[in-house]
Amino acid sequence: MQLFLERLLYFWAAITVIGLLLVVLVWAISTVIYVAFISLFVAIVATAFYHFYWVKKDD
């Protein structure tokens, strides 16, 4: 019985660690994608402002 409980504990710990690693990986990827889309939006707005307003300010 003790051997069974020991193996149960090992399997539970291994599955928990794998699950936590997967959650951290998904969280990291989604955070990177979120930041990338916000950066893209800011870059589009800044480029449009520079192209349509700032360059033609002297004319």
N, C-alpha and C. Protein backbone atom coordinates (compact mmCIF):
# COMPACT_ATOMS: atom_id res chain seq x y z
N MET A 1 0.82 -1.21 0.00
CA MET A 1 0.00 0.00 0.00
C MET A 1 0.86 1.26 0.00
N GLN A 2 1.97 1.21 0.75
CA GLN A 2 2.85 2.38 0.80
C GLN A 2 3.47 2.65 -0.57
N LEU A 3 3.83 1.59 -1.29
CA LEU A 3 4.40 1.76 -2.63
C LEU A 3 3.38 2.39 -3.56
N PHE A 4 2.12 1.98 -3.46
CA PHE A 4 1.07 2.57 -4.27
C PHE A 4 0.92 4.07 -3.99
N LEU A 5 0.90 4.43 -2.72
CA LEU A 5 0.75 5.84 -2.35
C LEU A 5 1.96 6.67 -2.78
N GLU A 6 3.13 6.08 -2.70
CA GLU A 6 4.33 6.77 -3.14
C GLU A 6 4.29 7.03 -4.64
N ARG A 7 3.90 6.02 -5.39
CA ARG A 7 3.79 6.20 -6.86
C ARG A 7 2.69 7.20 -7.21
N LEU A 8 1.59 7.15 -6.46
CA LEU A 8 0.50 8.10 -6.67
C LEU A 8 0.99 9.53 -6.46
N LEU A 9 1.77 9.73 -5.41
CA LEU A 9 2.31 11.05 -5.13
C LEU A 9 3.24 11.51 -6.23
N TYR A 10 4.11 10.62 -6.72
CA TYR A 10 5.02 10.98 -7.81
C TYR A 10 4.27 11.34 -9.09
N PHE A 11 3.29 10.52 -9.45
CA PHE A 11 2.51 10.81 -10.66
C PHE A 11 1.74 12.12 -10.52
N TRP A 12 1.16 12.34 -9.36
CA TRP A 12 0.41 13.57 -9.13
C TRP A 12 1.33 14.79 -9.22
N ALA A 13 2.52 14.70 -8.63
CA ALA A 13 3.47 15.81 -8.69
C ALA A 13 3.92 16.05 -10.14
N ALA A 14 4.19 15.00 -10.88
CA ALA A 14 4.64 15.15 -12.26
C ALA A 14 3.55 15.77 -13.13
N ILE A 15 2.31 15.29 -12.99
CA ILE A 15 1.21 15.84 -13.78
C ILE A 15 0.94 17.30 -13.40
N THR A 16 1.07 17.62 -12.13
CA THR A 16 0.88 19.01 -11.68
C THR A 16 1.94 19.92 -12.27
N VAL A 17 3.20 19.48 -12.26
CA VAL A 17 4.28 20.29 -12.82
C VAL A 17 4.08 20.49 -14.32
N ILE A 18 3.70 19.44 -15.03
CA ILE A 18 3.45 19.55 -16.48
C ILE A 18 2.30 20.52 -16.74
N GLY A 19 1.24 20.41 -15.96
CA GLY A 19 0.11 21.33 -16.13
C GLY A 19 0.49 22.77 -15.85
N LEU A 20 1.27 23.01 -14.80
CA LEU A 20 1.71 24.37 -14.49
C LEU A 20 2.60 24.93 -15.60
N LEU A 21 3.48 24.10 -16.14
CA LEU A 21 4.33 24.56 -17.23
C LEU A 21 3.51 24.92 -18.47
N LEU A 22 2.49 24.12 -18.76
CA LEU A 22 1.62 24.43 -19.90
C LEU A 22 0.86 25.73 -19.68
N VAL A 23 0.37 25.94 -18.47
CA VAL A 23 -0.36 27.17 -18.17
C VAL A 23 0.56 28.38 -18.29
N VAL A 24 1.78 28.27 -17.78
CA VAL A 24 2.74 29.38 -17.88
C VAL A 24 3.09 29.64 -19.34
N LEU A 25 3.25 28.58 -20.14
CA LEU A 25 3.57 28.75 -21.55
C LEU A 25 2.43 29.45 -22.29
N VAL A 26 1.20 29.04 -22.07
CA VAL A 26 0.05 29.67 -22.72
C VAL A 26 -0.09 31.12 -22.27
N TRP A 27 0.11 31.37 -20.97
CA TRP A 27 0.03 32.74 -20.45
C TRP A 27 1.10 33.62 -21.09
N ALA A 28 2.32 33.11 -21.21
CA ALA A 28 3.41 33.90 -21.79
C ALA A 28 3.14 34.20 -23.26
N ILE A 29 2.69 33.22 -24.00
CA ILE A 29 2.41 33.44 -25.42
C ILE A 29 1.27 34.43 -25.60
N SER A 30 0.21 34.30 -24.82
CA SER A 30 -0.91 35.22 -24.97
C SER A 30 -0.51 36.64 -24.56
N THR A 31 0.34 36.78 -23.56
CA THR A 31 0.81 38.10 -23.15
C THR A 31 1.66 38.74 -24.25
N VAL A 32 2.54 37.96 -24.84
CA VAL A 32 3.39 38.48 -25.93
C VAL A 32 2.53 38.91 -27.11
N ILE A 33 1.54 38.10 -27.47
CA ILE A 33 0.66 38.46 -28.59
C ILE A 33 -0.14 39.72 -28.26
N TYR A 34 -0.62 39.83 -27.04
CA TYR A 34 -1.39 41.02 -26.61
C TYR A 34 -0.53 42.28 -26.70
N VAL A 35 0.68 42.22 -26.19
CA VAL A 35 1.59 43.36 -26.24
C VAL A 35 1.96 43.69 -27.68
N ALA A 36 2.14 42.67 -28.51
CA ALA A 36 2.49 42.90 -29.91
C ALA A 36 1.36 43.62 -30.65
N PHE A 37 0.12 43.26 -30.40
CA PHE A 37 -0.99 43.93 -31.07
C PHE A 37 -1.15 45.36 -30.58
N ILE A 38 -0.95 45.61 -29.30
CA ILE A 38 -1.01 46.98 -28.80
C ILE A 38 0.11 47.81 -29.42
N SER A 39 1.31 47.25 -29.51
CA SER A 39 2.43 47.95 -30.13
C SER A 39 2.16 48.24 -31.60
N LEU A 40 1.55 47.28 -32.29
CA LEU A 40 1.22 47.50 -33.70
C LEU A 40 0.23 48.64 -33.85
N PHE A 41 -0.79 48.69 -32.99
CA PHE A 41 -1.78 49.76 -33.05
C PHE A 41 -1.13 51.11 -32.78
N VAL A 42 -0.26 51.19 -31.79
CA VAL A 42 0.43 52.45 -31.48
C VAL A 42 1.33 52.85 -32.65
N ALA A 43 2.01 51.90 -33.26
CA ALA A 43 2.87 52.20 -34.40
C ALA A 43 2.07 52.71 -35.59
N ILE A 44 0.90 52.13 -35.85
CA ILE A 44 0.06 52.59 -36.95
C ILE A 44 -0.41 54.02 -36.70
N VAL A 45 -0.84 54.30 -35.47
CA VAL A 45 -1.31 55.66 -35.15
C VAL A 45 -0.16 56.66 -35.26
N ALA A 46 1.01 56.31 -34.75
CA ALA A 46 2.16 57.22 -34.81
C ALA A 46 2.60 57.45 -36.25
N THR A 47 2.61 56.41 -37.05
CA THR A 47 2.99 56.56 -38.46
C THR A 47 1.99 57.41 -39.22
N ALA A 48 0.72 57.18 -38.98
CA ALA A 48 -0.30 57.98 -39.65
C ALA A 48 -0.20 59.45 -39.24
N PHE A 49 0.01 59.72 -37.96
CA PHE A 49 0.18 61.09 -37.49
C PHE A 49 1.39 61.74 -38.15
N TYR A 50 2.51 61.03 -38.18
CA TYR A 50 3.72 61.58 -38.78
C TYR A 50 3.55 61.80 -40.28
N HIS A 51 2.95 60.83 -40.96
CA HIS A 51 2.84 60.90 -42.41
C HIS A 51 1.84 61.96 -42.87
N PHE A 52 0.71 62.04 -42.21
CA PHE A 52 -0.34 62.94 -42.68
C PHE A 52 -0.31 64.31 -42.03
N TYR A 53 0.35 64.47 -40.90
CA TYR A 53 0.31 65.77 -40.21
C TYR A 53 1.70 66.38 -40.04
N TRP A 54 2.61 65.68 -39.41
CA TRP A 54 3.87 66.27 -39.01
C TRP A 54 4.74 66.65 -40.19
N VAL A 55 4.79 65.82 -41.24
CA VAL A 55 5.63 66.11 -42.40
C VAL A 55 5.08 67.30 -43.17
N LYS A 56 3.77 67.45 -43.25
CA LYS A 56 3.15 68.51 -44.03
C LYS A 56 2.91 69.76 -43.21
N LYS A 57 3.44 69.80 -42.00
CA LYS A 57 3.24 70.94 -41.14
C LYS A 57 3.95 72.19 -41.69
N ASP A 58 5.10 72.02 -42.35
CA ASP A 58 5.88 73.14 -42.86
C ASP A 58 5.29 73.72 -44.15
N ASP A 59 4.45 72.97 -44.85
CA ASP A 59 3.91 73.44 -46.14
C ASP A 59 2.87 74.54 -45.97
